[in-house]
Amino acid sequence: MIRIAPSILSADFADLGRELAAVSAAGADWAHVDVMDGVFVPNITVGIPVVKSLRKATELPLDVHLMITNPHRYVGQFADAGAHMVTVHLESETAADISRSLDTIRSHGALAGISIKPDTRAEAVFPWLDRVDMVLIMTVEPGFGGQSLIPHTLDKVKAVRAEAERRGLELMVEVDGGVNARTARACTEAGADVLVAGSAVFGAENRAAAIAALRAGV
């Protein structure tokens, strides 16, 4: 099953409730929420209060991607705020803190994900595959929307998918960055089954057509 997760980073922040209603009606499966602190990545976006408000405004599962330092301090709060999935970056913490973050996410009733940047080797997440529900491969440098997909990152999607299958794990693999109707097929052929798309959906005049075009890449 391929899931489409429009990123609210490209939505109209003055009317997020209406924006989420529109993409939900257009066929989105999840809403992707990029949380940035201006330290781990060079941008600042939203936090826990916004996730709480989004939870009240939509029935879409909230796919919360933490691009922040020391996420172990906050993962439980994001789960309690209504996140369906909370994803932390491998590069943001020590191994002990990553372990603590994943345990905390699960104990607060959310699914747990782990993400890597374009320059981090796929093998770095292998020790965590049996501890997570999803691996998020960043296909652009995290921090800003509207970038072009970096082709070599799809090799990491293939590597993670192959390792998960070798171990018999039911693992979701998500890609985020530069995903559109032209690149979706390459992403799914590499093994991705969750596609994050920001401007390709929220920037489209016909969002239902845009989501359908992403699915057509399957």
N, C-alpha and C. Protein backbone atom coordinates (compact mmCIF):
# COMPACT_ATOMS: atom_id res chain seq x y z
N MET A 1 0.84 -1.19 0.00
CA MET A 1 0.00 0.00 0.00
C MET A 1 0.88 1.25 0.00
N ILE A 2 0.62 2.12 -0.94
CA ILE A 2 1.36 3.38 -1.02
C ILE A 2 0.56 4.48 -0.34
N ARG A 3 1.21 5.18 0.58
CA ARG A 3 0.57 6.29 1.27
C ARG A 3 1.12 7.62 0.75
N ILE A 4 0.23 8.58 0.56
CA ILE A 4 0.63 9.93 0.15
C ILE A 4 0.47 10.85 1.35
N ALA A 5 1.55 11.55 1.71
CA ALA A 5 1.56 12.39 2.91
C ALA A 5 1.96 13.82 2.53
N PRO A 6 0.99 14.66 2.16
CA PRO A 6 1.32 16.05 1.83
C PRO A 6 1.95 16.77 3.02
N SER A 7 3.01 17.51 2.76
CA SER A 7 3.71 18.23 3.82
C SER A 7 3.12 19.62 4.00
N ILE A 8 2.72 19.92 5.23
CA ILE A 8 2.11 21.23 5.49
C ILE A 8 3.13 22.36 5.38
N LEU A 9 4.41 22.02 5.21
CA LEU A 9 5.42 23.06 5.02
C LEU A 9 5.09 23.92 3.80
N SER A 10 4.37 23.35 2.85
CA SER A 10 4.00 24.08 1.63
C SER A 10 2.56 24.58 1.66
N ALA A 11 1.88 24.41 2.79
CA ALA A 11 0.48 24.83 2.89
C ALA A 11 0.38 26.31 3.28
N ASP A 12 -0.82 26.83 3.24
CA ASP A 12 -1.10 28.19 3.70
C ASP A 12 -1.23 28.16 5.22
N PHE A 13 -0.23 28.66 5.92
CA PHE A 13 -0.23 28.59 7.38
C PHE A 13 -1.31 29.46 8.01
N ALA A 14 -1.88 30.37 7.25
CA ALA A 14 -2.95 31.20 7.79
C ALA A 14 -4.26 30.44 7.87
N ASP A 15 -4.33 29.27 7.22
CA ASP A 15 -5.59 28.53 7.20
C ASP A 15 -5.31 27.03 7.10
N LEU A 16 -4.56 26.50 8.05
CA LEU A 16 -4.15 25.11 7.98
C LEU A 16 -5.32 24.14 8.07
N GLY A 17 -6.34 24.48 8.83
CA GLY A 17 -7.50 23.61 8.94
C GLY A 17 -8.15 23.40 7.59
N ARG A 18 -8.35 24.47 6.85
CA ARG A 18 -8.96 24.37 5.52
C ARG A 18 -8.03 23.62 4.56
N GLU A 19 -6.75 23.87 4.67
CA GLU A 19 -5.78 23.21 3.80
C GLU A 19 -5.80 21.69 4.03
N LEU A 20 -5.85 21.28 5.28
CA LEU A 20 -5.89 19.85 5.57
C LEU A 20 -7.19 19.22 5.10
N ALA A 21 -8.29 19.94 5.26
CA ALA A 21 -9.57 19.43 4.78
C ALA A 21 -9.53 19.23 3.27
N ALA A 22 -8.88 20.15 2.58
CA ALA A 22 -8.80 20.07 1.12
C ALA A 22 -7.99 18.87 0.66
N VAL A 23 -6.82 18.63 1.28
CA VAL A 23 -6.01 17.50 0.83
C VAL A 23 -6.61 16.17 1.28
N SER A 24 -7.31 16.19 2.40
CA SER A 24 -8.01 14.98 2.83
C SER A 24 -9.08 14.60 1.81
N ALA A 25 -9.86 15.59 1.39
CA ALA A 25 -10.89 15.35 0.38
C ALA A 25 -10.27 14.94 -0.96
N ALA A 26 -9.05 15.40 -1.20
CA ALA A 26 -8.37 15.10 -2.46
C ALA A 26 -7.73 13.72 -2.47
N GLY A 27 -7.75 13.02 -1.32
CA GLY A 27 -7.25 11.66 -1.30
C GLY A 27 -5.97 11.42 -0.53
N ALA A 28 -5.49 12.40 0.23
CA ALA A 28 -4.28 12.20 1.02
C ALA A 28 -4.51 11.13 2.09
N ASP A 29 -3.45 10.41 2.44
CA ASP A 29 -3.53 9.38 3.47
C ASP A 29 -3.09 9.90 4.83
N TRP A 30 -2.03 10.70 4.85
CA TRP A 30 -1.49 11.29 6.07
C TRP A 30 -1.27 12.78 5.84
N ALA A 31 -1.03 13.51 6.90
CA ALA A 31 -0.52 14.88 6.81
C ALA A 31 0.88 14.87 7.42
N HIS A 32 1.85 15.33 6.66
CA HIS A 32 3.24 15.33 7.12
C HIS A 32 3.54 16.68 7.77
N VAL A 33 4.03 16.64 9.01
CA VAL A 33 4.28 17.86 9.79
C VAL A 33 5.77 17.97 10.06
N ASP A 34 6.43 18.93 9.41
CA ASP A 34 7.86 19.14 9.59
C ASP A 34 8.10 20.08 10.76
N VAL A 35 8.76 19.59 11.79
CA VAL A 35 9.08 20.38 12.98
C VAL A 35 10.57 20.70 12.94
N MET A 36 10.89 21.99 12.84
CA MET A 36 12.29 22.43 12.73
C MET A 36 12.59 23.47 13.79
N ASP A 37 13.79 23.39 14.35
CA ASP A 37 14.13 24.26 15.48
C ASP A 37 15.13 25.36 15.16
N GLY A 38 15.60 25.45 13.91
CA GLY A 38 16.58 26.46 13.56
C GLY A 38 17.99 26.14 14.03
N VAL A 39 18.17 24.98 14.63
CA VAL A 39 19.49 24.54 15.11
C VAL A 39 19.92 23.29 14.36
N PHE A 40 19.13 22.25 14.45
CA PHE A 40 19.44 21.02 13.72
C PHE A 40 19.36 21.25 12.22
N VAL A 41 18.43 22.09 11.80
CA VAL A 41 18.32 22.53 10.40
C VAL A 41 18.17 24.05 10.39
N PRO A 42 18.50 24.69 9.27
CA PRO A 42 18.48 26.16 9.23
C PRO A 42 17.11 26.76 8.93
N ASN A 43 16.12 26.37 9.70
CA ASN A 43 14.78 26.92 9.52
C ASN A 43 14.01 26.66 10.80
N ILE A 44 12.96 27.43 11.04
CA ILE A 44 12.08 27.25 12.20
C ILE A 44 10.66 27.12 11.67
N THR A 45 9.93 26.11 12.15
CA THR A 45 8.56 25.94 11.66
C THR A 45 7.56 25.93 12.82
N VAL A 46 7.07 24.75 13.18
CA VAL A 46 5.98 24.66 14.15
C VAL A 46 6.39 23.79 15.33
N GLY A 47 5.53 23.79 16.36
CA GLY A 47 5.82 23.00 17.55
C GLY A 47 4.60 22.28 18.07
N ILE A 48 4.65 21.91 19.33
CA ILE A 48 3.61 21.08 19.95
C ILE A 48 2.23 21.73 19.90
N PRO A 49 2.07 23.04 20.20
CA PRO A 49 0.73 23.64 20.15
C PRO A 49 0.08 23.53 18.77
N VAL A 50 0.87 23.65 17.71
CA VAL A 50 0.30 23.55 16.36
C VAL A 50 -0.15 22.11 16.10
N VAL A 51 0.63 21.14 16.52
CA VAL A 51 0.22 19.74 16.34
C VAL A 51 -1.10 19.48 17.08
N LYS A 52 -1.23 20.02 18.29
CA LYS A 52 -2.50 19.88 19.03
C LYS A 52 -3.66 20.46 18.24
N SER A 53 -3.46 21.64 17.67
CA SER A 53 -4.51 22.29 16.90
C SER A 53 -4.84 21.50 15.64
N LEU A 54 -3.82 20.97 14.97
CA LEU A 54 -4.04 20.18 13.77
C LEU A 54 -4.83 18.92 14.09
N ARG A 55 -4.54 18.33 15.26
CA ARG A 55 -5.25 17.11 15.64
C ARG A 55 -6.76 17.36 15.75
N LYS A 56 -7.12 18.56 16.22
CA LYS A 56 -8.53 18.92 16.34
C LYS A 56 -9.16 19.25 14.99
N ALA A 57 -8.32 19.63 14.02
CA ALA A 57 -8.83 20.14 12.75
C ALA A 57 -8.98 19.07 11.67
N THR A 58 -8.37 17.90 11.88
CA THR A 58 -8.41 16.88 10.83
C THR A 58 -8.42 15.49 11.42
N GLU A 59 -8.96 14.55 10.64
CA GLU A 59 -8.90 13.14 11.02
C GLU A 59 -7.73 12.43 10.35
N LEU A 60 -7.00 13.15 9.49
CA LEU A 60 -5.82 12.54 8.87
C LEU A 60 -4.79 12.18 9.93
N PRO A 61 -4.15 11.03 9.83
CA PRO A 61 -3.04 10.72 10.72
C PRO A 61 -1.93 11.76 10.54
N LEU A 62 -1.38 12.23 11.65
CA LEU A 62 -0.32 13.24 11.61
C LEU A 62 1.04 12.56 11.69
N ASP A 63 1.80 12.74 10.63
CA ASP A 63 3.13 12.15 10.47
C ASP A 63 4.14 13.23 10.86
N VAL A 64 4.58 13.22 12.11
CA VAL A 64 5.39 14.30 12.66
C VAL A 64 6.87 13.97 12.55
N HIS A 65 7.57 14.81 11.81
CA HIS A 65 8.99 14.61 11.51
C HIS A 65 9.80 15.65 12.28
N LEU A 66 10.53 15.19 13.30
CA LEU A 66 11.27 16.09 14.17
C LEU A 66 12.68 16.33 13.64
N MET A 67 12.90 17.54 13.15
CA MET A 67 14.24 17.96 12.73
C MET A 67 14.73 18.95 13.77
N ILE A 68 15.01 18.41 14.96
CA ILE A 68 15.36 19.23 16.12
C ILE A 68 16.48 18.56 16.91
N THR A 69 17.16 19.34 17.73
CA THR A 69 18.15 18.78 18.64
C THR A 69 17.45 18.20 19.87
N ASN A 70 18.05 17.19 20.46
CA ASN A 70 17.54 16.57 21.68
C ASN A 70 16.06 16.20 21.60
N PRO A 71 15.64 15.49 20.55
CA PRO A 71 14.21 15.18 20.44
C PRO A 71 13.67 14.33 21.58
N HIS A 72 14.56 13.60 22.29
CA HIS A 72 14.06 12.77 23.39
C HIS A 72 13.32 13.59 24.46
N ARG A 73 13.61 14.90 24.50
CA ARG A 73 12.93 15.75 25.49
C ARG A 73 11.48 16.02 25.11
N TYR A 74 11.13 15.82 23.85
CA TYR A 74 9.84 16.27 23.36
C TYR A 74 8.97 15.19 22.71
N VAL A 75 9.53 14.03 22.42
CA VAL A 75 8.77 13.05 21.64
C VAL A 75 7.47 12.64 22.33
N GLY A 76 7.50 12.49 23.64
CA GLY A 76 6.27 12.12 24.34
C GLY A 76 5.20 13.18 24.22
N GLN A 77 5.61 14.45 24.27
CA GLN A 77 4.66 15.54 24.14
C GLN A 77 4.05 15.60 22.75
N PHE A 78 4.85 15.33 21.73
CA PHE A 78 4.30 15.32 20.37
C PHE A 78 3.32 14.16 20.20
N ALA A 79 3.64 13.01 20.78
CA ALA A 79 2.71 11.88 20.71
C ALA A 79 1.42 12.21 21.45
N ASP A 80 1.53 12.81 22.62
CA ASP A 80 0.34 13.18 23.39
C ASP A 80 -0.48 14.26 22.70
N ALA A 81 0.19 15.08 21.89
CA ALA A 81 -0.51 16.15 21.18
C ALA A 81 -1.35 15.63 20.02
N GLY A 82 -1.13 14.34 19.65
CA GLY A 82 -1.96 13.75 18.62
C GLY A 82 -1.22 13.19 17.42
N ALA A 83 0.11 13.09 17.51
CA ALA A 83 0.87 12.51 16.40
C ALA A 83 0.57 11.02 16.26
N HIS A 84 0.37 10.59 15.03
CA HIS A 84 0.21 9.17 14.72
C HIS A 84 1.58 8.50 14.62
N MET A 85 2.50 9.21 14.01
CA MET A 85 3.88 8.76 13.84
C MET A 85 4.81 9.88 14.29
N VAL A 86 5.82 9.55 15.08
CA VAL A 86 6.85 10.52 15.45
C VAL A 86 8.18 9.97 14.97
N THR A 87 8.86 10.77 14.13
CA THR A 87 10.13 10.35 13.55
C THR A 87 11.25 11.25 14.05
N VAL A 88 12.33 10.62 14.50
CA VAL A 88 13.49 11.36 14.97
C VAL A 88 14.66 11.10 14.03
N HIS A 89 15.61 12.04 14.00
CA HIS A 89 16.78 11.90 13.13
C HIS A 89 17.89 11.15 13.84
N LEU A 90 18.46 10.19 13.15
CA LEU A 90 19.59 9.45 13.68
C LEU A 90 20.74 10.39 14.05
N GLU A 91 20.91 11.46 13.28
CA GLU A 91 22.04 12.36 13.47
C GLU A 91 21.84 13.33 14.64
N SER A 92 20.66 13.33 15.25
CA SER A 92 20.36 14.36 16.25
C SER A 92 20.72 13.97 17.67
N GLU A 93 20.99 12.68 17.92
CA GLU A 93 21.19 12.22 19.30
C GLU A 93 22.25 11.13 19.37
N THR A 94 22.66 10.80 20.58
CA THR A 94 23.50 9.63 20.80
C THR A 94 22.65 8.38 20.65
N ALA A 95 23.29 7.25 20.49
CA ALA A 95 22.57 6.00 20.37
C ALA A 95 21.67 5.75 21.58
N ALA A 96 22.14 6.08 22.77
CA ALA A 96 21.34 5.88 23.98
C ALA A 96 20.10 6.76 23.96
N ASP A 97 20.26 8.00 23.48
CA ASP A 97 19.11 8.89 23.44
C ASP A 97 18.13 8.50 22.33
N ILE A 98 18.64 8.00 21.20
CA ILE A 98 17.74 7.48 20.16
C ILE A 98 16.91 6.34 20.72
N SER A 99 17.55 5.44 21.43
CA SER A 99 16.84 4.31 22.04
C SER A 99 15.76 4.80 22.99
N ARG A 100 16.10 5.80 23.80
CA ARG A 100 15.14 6.37 24.74
C ARG A 100 13.98 7.02 24.00
N SER A 101 14.29 7.74 22.92
CA SER A 101 13.25 8.40 22.14
C SER A 101 12.26 7.38 21.57
N LEU A 102 12.78 6.31 20.98
CA LEU A 102 11.91 5.31 20.37
C LEU A 102 11.03 4.63 21.42
N ASP A 103 11.61 4.32 22.57
CA ASP A 103 10.82 3.71 23.64
C ASP A 103 9.73 4.65 24.12
N THR A 104 10.06 5.94 24.25
CA THR A 104 9.09 6.91 24.74
C THR A 104 7.96 7.09 23.74
N ILE A 105 8.28 7.18 22.46
CA ILE A 105 7.24 7.32 21.44
C ILE A 105 6.24 6.17 21.54
N ARG A 106 6.76 4.97 21.60
CA ARG A 106 5.89 3.79 21.68
C ARG A 106 5.07 3.80 22.97
N SER A 107 5.70 4.19 24.08
CA SER A 107 4.98 4.16 25.36
C SER A 107 3.85 5.19 25.41
N HIS A 108 3.92 6.21 24.54
CA HIS A 108 2.88 7.22 24.47
C HIS A 108 1.86 6.92 23.37
N GLY A 109 1.95 5.73 22.81
CA GLY A 109 0.91 5.27 21.90
C GLY A 109 1.05 5.64 20.44
N ALA A 110 2.22 6.15 20.03
CA ALA A 110 2.43 6.51 18.63
C ALA A 110 3.37 5.51 17.97
N LEU A 111 3.36 5.51 16.64
CA LEU A 111 4.33 4.73 15.89
C LEU A 111 5.66 5.48 15.90
N ALA A 112 6.76 4.72 15.78
CA ALA A 112 8.09 5.31 15.88
C ALA A 112 8.82 5.21 14.55
N GLY A 113 9.45 6.33 14.16
CA GLY A 113 10.23 6.35 12.93
C GLY A 113 11.62 6.90 13.18
N ILE A 114 12.53 6.57 12.28
CA ILE A 114 13.89 7.11 12.35
C ILE A 114 14.26 7.60 10.95
N SER A 115 14.97 8.74 10.90
CA SER A 115 15.28 9.37 9.63
C SER A 115 16.78 9.60 9.49
N ILE A 116 17.22 9.63 8.22
CA ILE A 116 18.61 9.96 7.94
C ILE A 116 18.68 11.01 6.83
N LYS A 117 19.73 11.83 6.91
CA LYS A 117 19.99 12.86 5.91
C LYS A 117 20.64 12.24 4.66
N PRO A 118 20.71 13.01 3.57
CA PRO A 118 21.27 12.47 2.32
C PRO A 118 22.70 11.95 2.43
N ASP A 119 23.51 12.52 3.31
CA ASP A 119 24.91 12.09 3.38
C ASP A 119 25.15 10.96 4.39
N THR A 120 24.11 10.52 5.09
CA THR A 120 24.26 9.42 6.05
C THR A 120 24.03 8.09 5.34
N ARG A 121 24.90 7.14 5.57
CA ARG A 121 24.81 5.84 4.90
C ARG A 121 23.58 5.07 5.38
N ALA A 122 23.00 4.32 4.47
CA ALA A 122 21.82 3.53 4.81
C ALA A 122 22.11 2.56 5.94
N GLU A 123 23.30 2.00 5.94
CA GLU A 123 23.65 0.99 6.95
C GLU A 123 23.60 1.54 8.37
N ALA A 124 23.63 2.85 8.52
CA ALA A 124 23.59 3.45 9.85
C ALA A 124 22.28 3.16 10.57
N VAL A 125 21.19 2.95 9.80
CA VAL A 125 19.91 2.68 10.46
C VAL A 125 19.64 1.20 10.64
N PHE A 126 20.47 0.34 10.07
CA PHE A 126 20.21 -1.09 10.16
C PHE A 126 20.06 -1.60 11.61
N PRO A 127 20.88 -1.12 12.56
CA PRO A 127 20.72 -1.61 13.93
C PRO A 127 19.36 -1.27 14.54
N TRP A 128 18.63 -0.33 13.94
CA TRP A 128 17.38 0.14 14.52
C TRP A 128 16.13 -0.42 13.82
N LEU A 129 16.33 -1.19 12.77
CA LEU A 129 15.19 -1.58 11.94
C LEU A 129 14.12 -2.38 12.70
N ASP A 130 14.55 -3.19 13.65
CA ASP A 130 13.55 -3.96 14.40
C ASP A 130 12.95 -3.18 15.57
N ARG A 131 13.34 -1.90 15.69
CA ARG A 131 12.82 -1.06 16.76
C ARG A 131 11.85 0.01 16.25
N VAL A 132 11.72 0.11 14.93
CA VAL A 132 10.93 1.21 14.36
C VAL A 132 9.85 0.66 13.43
N ASP A 133 8.86 1.52 13.20
CA ASP A 133 7.79 1.20 12.26
C ASP A 133 8.09 1.75 10.88
N MET A 134 8.95 2.76 10.81
CA MET A 134 9.24 3.40 9.54
C MET A 134 10.64 3.99 9.53
N VAL A 135 11.27 3.94 8.36
CA VAL A 135 12.52 4.65 8.11
C VAL A 135 12.22 5.74 7.09
N LEU A 136 12.61 6.97 7.42
CA LEU A 136 12.44 8.11 6.53
C LEU A 136 13.78 8.46 5.91
N ILE A 137 13.87 8.33 4.59
CA ILE A 137 15.07 8.70 3.86
C ILE A 137 14.86 10.11 3.31
N MET A 138 15.67 11.05 3.78
CA MET A 138 15.60 12.40 3.22
C MET A 138 16.22 12.39 1.83
N THR A 139 15.43 12.81 0.84
CA THR A 139 15.91 12.83 -0.54
C THR A 139 16.32 14.23 -0.96
N VAL A 140 16.33 15.16 0.00
CA VAL A 140 16.94 16.49 -0.14
C VAL A 140 17.58 16.82 1.20
N GLU A 141 18.36 17.88 1.24
CA GLU A 141 18.89 18.34 2.51
C GLU A 141 17.74 18.93 3.33
N PRO A 142 17.53 18.47 4.56
CA PRO A 142 16.38 18.94 5.33
C PRO A 142 16.49 20.42 5.69
N GLY A 143 15.34 21.06 5.75
CA GLY A 143 15.31 22.46 6.18
C GLY A 143 14.40 23.34 5.36
N PHE A 144 14.25 23.05 4.08
CA PHE A 144 13.43 23.90 3.22
C PHE A 144 12.70 23.06 2.19
N GLY A 145 11.51 23.50 1.80
CA GLY A 145 10.76 22.83 0.76
C GLY A 145 11.17 23.30 -0.62
N GLY A 146 10.62 22.65 -1.65
CA GLY A 146 10.82 23.09 -3.02
C GLY A 146 12.13 22.68 -3.65
N GLN A 147 12.89 21.75 -3.02
CA GLN A 147 14.17 21.32 -3.58
C GLN A 147 13.97 20.15 -4.55
N SER A 148 15.00 19.88 -5.35
CA SER A 148 14.97 18.75 -6.28
C SER A 148 15.52 17.50 -5.61
N LEU A 149 14.90 16.37 -5.92
CA LEU A 149 15.32 15.09 -5.36
C LEU A 149 16.76 14.77 -5.76
N ILE A 150 17.54 14.32 -4.78
CA ILE A 150 18.93 13.93 -5.01
C ILE A 150 18.93 12.46 -5.43
N PRO A 151 19.30 12.15 -6.67
CA PRO A 151 19.13 10.77 -7.19
C PRO A 151 19.78 9.67 -6.35
N HIS A 152 20.99 9.92 -5.84
CA HIS A 152 21.69 8.83 -5.14
C HIS A 152 21.00 8.43 -3.85
N THR A 153 20.12 9.26 -3.32
CA THR A 153 19.42 8.89 -2.08
C THR A 153 18.50 7.70 -2.29
N LEU A 154 18.07 7.46 -3.52
CA LEU A 154 17.20 6.32 -3.78
C LEU A 154 17.94 5.00 -3.62
N ASP A 155 19.27 5.02 -3.73
CA ASP A 155 20.04 3.81 -3.46
C ASP A 155 19.88 3.40 -2.00
N LYS A 156 19.73 4.39 -1.13
CA LYS A 156 19.54 4.09 0.29
C LYS A 156 18.15 3.51 0.54
N VAL A 157 17.17 3.99 -0.20
CA VAL A 157 15.83 3.40 -0.11
C VAL A 157 15.90 1.92 -0.47
N LYS A 158 16.59 1.60 -1.56
CA LYS A 158 16.74 0.21 -1.98
C LYS A 158 17.43 -0.61 -0.91
N ALA A 159 18.47 -0.05 -0.31
CA ALA A 159 19.24 -0.79 0.69
C ALA A 159 18.43 -1.08 1.94
N VAL A 160 17.67 -0.08 2.40
CA VAL A 160 16.84 -0.28 3.59
C VAL A 160 15.72 -1.28 3.30
N ARG A 161 15.08 -1.15 2.15
CA ARG A 161 14.02 -2.09 1.80
C ARG A 161 14.55 -3.51 1.70
N ALA A 162 15.71 -3.68 1.07
CA ALA A 162 16.28 -5.02 0.93
C ALA A 162 16.63 -5.63 2.28
N GLU A 163 17.18 -4.82 3.18
CA GLU A 163 17.54 -5.33 4.50
C GLU A 163 16.30 -5.69 5.31
N ALA A 164 15.25 -4.86 5.21
CA ALA A 164 14.01 -5.17 5.91
C ALA A 164 13.41 -6.48 5.40
N GLU A 165 13.43 -6.67 4.10
CA GLU A 165 12.88 -7.90 3.53
C GLU A 165 13.73 -9.10 3.91
N ARG A 166 15.04 -8.92 3.94
CA ARG A 166 15.93 -10.01 4.34
C ARG A 166 15.61 -10.49 5.74
N ARG A 167 15.24 -9.55 6.62
CA ARG A 167 14.93 -9.90 8.01
C ARG A 167 13.45 -10.25 8.21
N GLY A 168 12.65 -10.09 7.18
CA GLY A 168 11.22 -10.38 7.31
C GLY A 168 10.47 -9.34 8.12
N LEU A 169 10.93 -8.08 8.06
CA LEU A 169 10.30 -7.01 8.83
C LEU A 169 9.23 -6.30 8.01
N GLU A 170 8.10 -6.01 8.63
CA GLU A 170 7.07 -5.20 8.00
C GLU A 170 7.36 -3.74 8.30
N LEU A 171 8.16 -3.14 7.47
CA LEU A 171 8.69 -1.80 7.72
C LEU A 171 8.25 -0.86 6.61
N MET A 172 7.74 0.31 6.99
CA MET A 172 7.44 1.34 6.00
C MET A 172 8.72 2.12 5.70
N VAL A 173 8.88 2.49 4.43
CA VAL A 173 10.01 3.33 4.02
C VAL A 173 9.43 4.58 3.37
N GLU A 174 9.76 5.73 3.96
CA GLU A 174 9.22 7.00 3.51
C GLU A 174 10.33 7.82 2.83
N VAL A 175 9.95 8.57 1.80
CA VAL A 175 10.89 9.50 1.17
C VAL A 175 10.31 10.91 1.27
N ASP A 176 11.20 11.86 1.47
CA ASP A 176 10.78 13.25 1.69
C ASP A 176 11.77 14.18 0.99
N GLY A 177 11.25 14.90 -0.03
CA GLY A 177 12.07 15.89 -0.70
C GLY A 177 12.10 15.70 -2.20
N GLY A 178 11.54 16.66 -2.93
CA GLY A 178 11.58 16.58 -4.38
C GLY A 178 10.68 15.53 -4.98
N VAL A 179 9.67 15.08 -4.22
CA VAL A 179 8.77 14.05 -4.71
C VAL A 179 7.63 14.72 -5.49
N ASN A 180 7.46 14.32 -6.72
CA ASN A 180 6.39 14.85 -7.56
C ASN A 180 5.99 13.78 -8.57
N ALA A 181 5.13 14.15 -9.52
CA ALA A 181 4.64 13.17 -10.49
C ALA A 181 5.77 12.61 -11.35
N ARG A 182 6.86 13.35 -11.51
CA ARG A 182 7.98 12.89 -12.34
C ARG A 182 8.92 11.95 -11.58
N THR A 183 8.99 12.11 -10.27
CA THR A 183 9.95 11.31 -9.49
C THR A 183 9.30 10.19 -8.67
N ALA A 184 7.98 10.19 -8.57
CA ALA A 184 7.30 9.23 -7.70
C ALA A 184 7.58 7.79 -8.10
N ARG A 185 7.57 7.50 -9.41
CA ARG A 185 7.79 6.12 -9.84
C ARG A 185 9.17 5.62 -9.41
N ALA A 186 10.18 6.45 -9.57
CA ALA A 186 11.53 6.04 -9.16
C ALA A 186 11.57 5.75 -7.66
N CYS A 187 10.83 6.53 -6.88
CA CYS A 187 10.80 6.34 -5.42
C CYS A 187 10.15 5.00 -5.06
N THR A 188 9.01 4.72 -5.67
CA THR A 188 8.31 3.48 -5.32
C THR A 188 9.03 2.26 -5.88
N GLU A 189 9.65 2.40 -7.05
CA GLU A 189 10.42 1.28 -7.60
C GLU A 189 11.63 0.97 -6.73
N ALA A 190 12.15 1.99 -6.05
CA ALA A 190 13.28 1.77 -5.13
C ALA A 190 12.85 1.08 -3.85
N GLY A 191 11.55 1.14 -3.55
CA GLY A 191 11.05 0.48 -2.35
C GLY A 191 10.31 1.36 -1.38
N ALA A 192 10.12 2.63 -1.70
CA ALA A 192 9.37 3.53 -0.81
C ALA A 192 7.88 3.22 -0.88
N ASP A 193 7.22 3.28 0.26
CA ASP A 193 5.77 3.11 0.26
C ASP A 193 5.04 4.24 0.98
N VAL A 194 5.77 5.28 1.39
CA VAL A 194 5.17 6.52 1.88
C VAL A 194 5.87 7.67 1.16
N LEU A 195 5.09 8.48 0.45
CA LEU A 195 5.64 9.59 -0.32
C LEU A 195 5.21 10.91 0.30
N VAL A 196 6.19 11.68 0.75
CA VAL A 196 5.92 13.03 1.25
C VAL A 196 6.04 13.99 0.07
N ALA A 197 5.03 14.81 -0.12
CA ALA A 197 5.06 15.78 -1.22
C ALA A 197 4.47 17.09 -0.70
N GLY A 198 5.25 18.16 -0.82
CA GLY A 198 4.79 19.46 -0.34
C GLY A 198 4.23 20.31 -1.45
N SER A 199 5.11 20.99 -2.17
CA SER A 199 4.67 21.89 -3.23
C SER A 199 3.96 21.15 -4.35
N ALA A 200 4.29 19.88 -4.57
CA ALA A 200 3.64 19.11 -5.63
C ALA A 200 2.15 18.93 -5.37
N VAL A 201 1.74 19.01 -4.10
CA VAL A 201 0.33 18.88 -3.76
C VAL A 201 -0.27 20.24 -3.41
N PHE A 202 0.30 20.91 -2.41
CA PHE A 202 -0.29 22.18 -1.96
C PHE A 202 -0.13 23.28 -3.00
N GLY A 203 0.84 23.15 -3.88
CA GLY A 203 1.03 24.15 -4.92
C GLY A 203 0.24 23.87 -6.18
N ALA A 204 -0.48 22.75 -6.21
CA ALA A 204 -1.23 22.37 -7.41
C ALA A 204 -2.60 23.03 -7.43
N GLU A 205 -3.03 23.40 -8.62
CA GLU A 205 -4.37 23.97 -8.76
C GLU A 205 -5.43 22.91 -8.49
N ASN A 206 -5.18 21.69 -8.93
CA ASN A 206 -6.08 20.57 -8.70
C ASN A 206 -5.35 19.56 -7.82
N ARG A 207 -5.63 19.58 -6.53
CA ARG A 207 -4.88 18.74 -5.61
C ARG A 207 -5.24 17.27 -5.73
N ALA A 208 -6.48 16.98 -6.07
CA ALA A 208 -6.87 15.59 -6.27
C ALA A 208 -6.10 15.00 -7.45
N ALA A 209 -5.97 15.79 -8.51
CA ALA A 209 -5.21 15.33 -9.67
C ALA A 209 -3.74 15.15 -9.33
N ALA A 210 -3.21 16.05 -8.49
CA ALA A 210 -1.81 15.96 -8.10
C ALA A 210 -1.55 14.69 -7.30
N ILE A 211 -2.45 14.38 -6.37
CA ILE A 211 -2.29 13.15 -5.56
C ILE A 211 -2.46 11.93 -6.44
N ALA A 212 -3.42 11.97 -7.37
CA ALA A 212 -3.60 10.86 -8.29
C ALA A 212 -2.36 10.65 -9.15
N ALA A 213 -1.72 11.74 -9.56
CA ALA A 213 -0.51 11.64 -10.36
C ALA A 213 0.62 11.00 -9.57
N LEU A 214 0.72 11.30 -8.27
CA LEU A 214 1.72 10.66 -7.43
C LEU A 214 1.45 9.15 -7.34
N ARG A 215 0.19 8.79 -7.17
CA ARG A 215 -0.16 7.37 -7.09
C ARG A 215 0.10 6.66 -8.42
N ALA A 216 -0.04 7.37 -9.51
CA ALA A 216 0.17 6.77 -10.83
C ALA A 216 1.62 6.37 -11.03
N GLY A 217 2.50 6.88 -10.18
CA GLY A 217 3.89 6.50 -10.26
C GLY A 217 4.14 5.14 -9.67
N VAL A 218 3.13 4.58 -9.02
CA VAL A 218 3.29 3.28 -8.35
C VAL A 218 3.43 2.19 -9.39
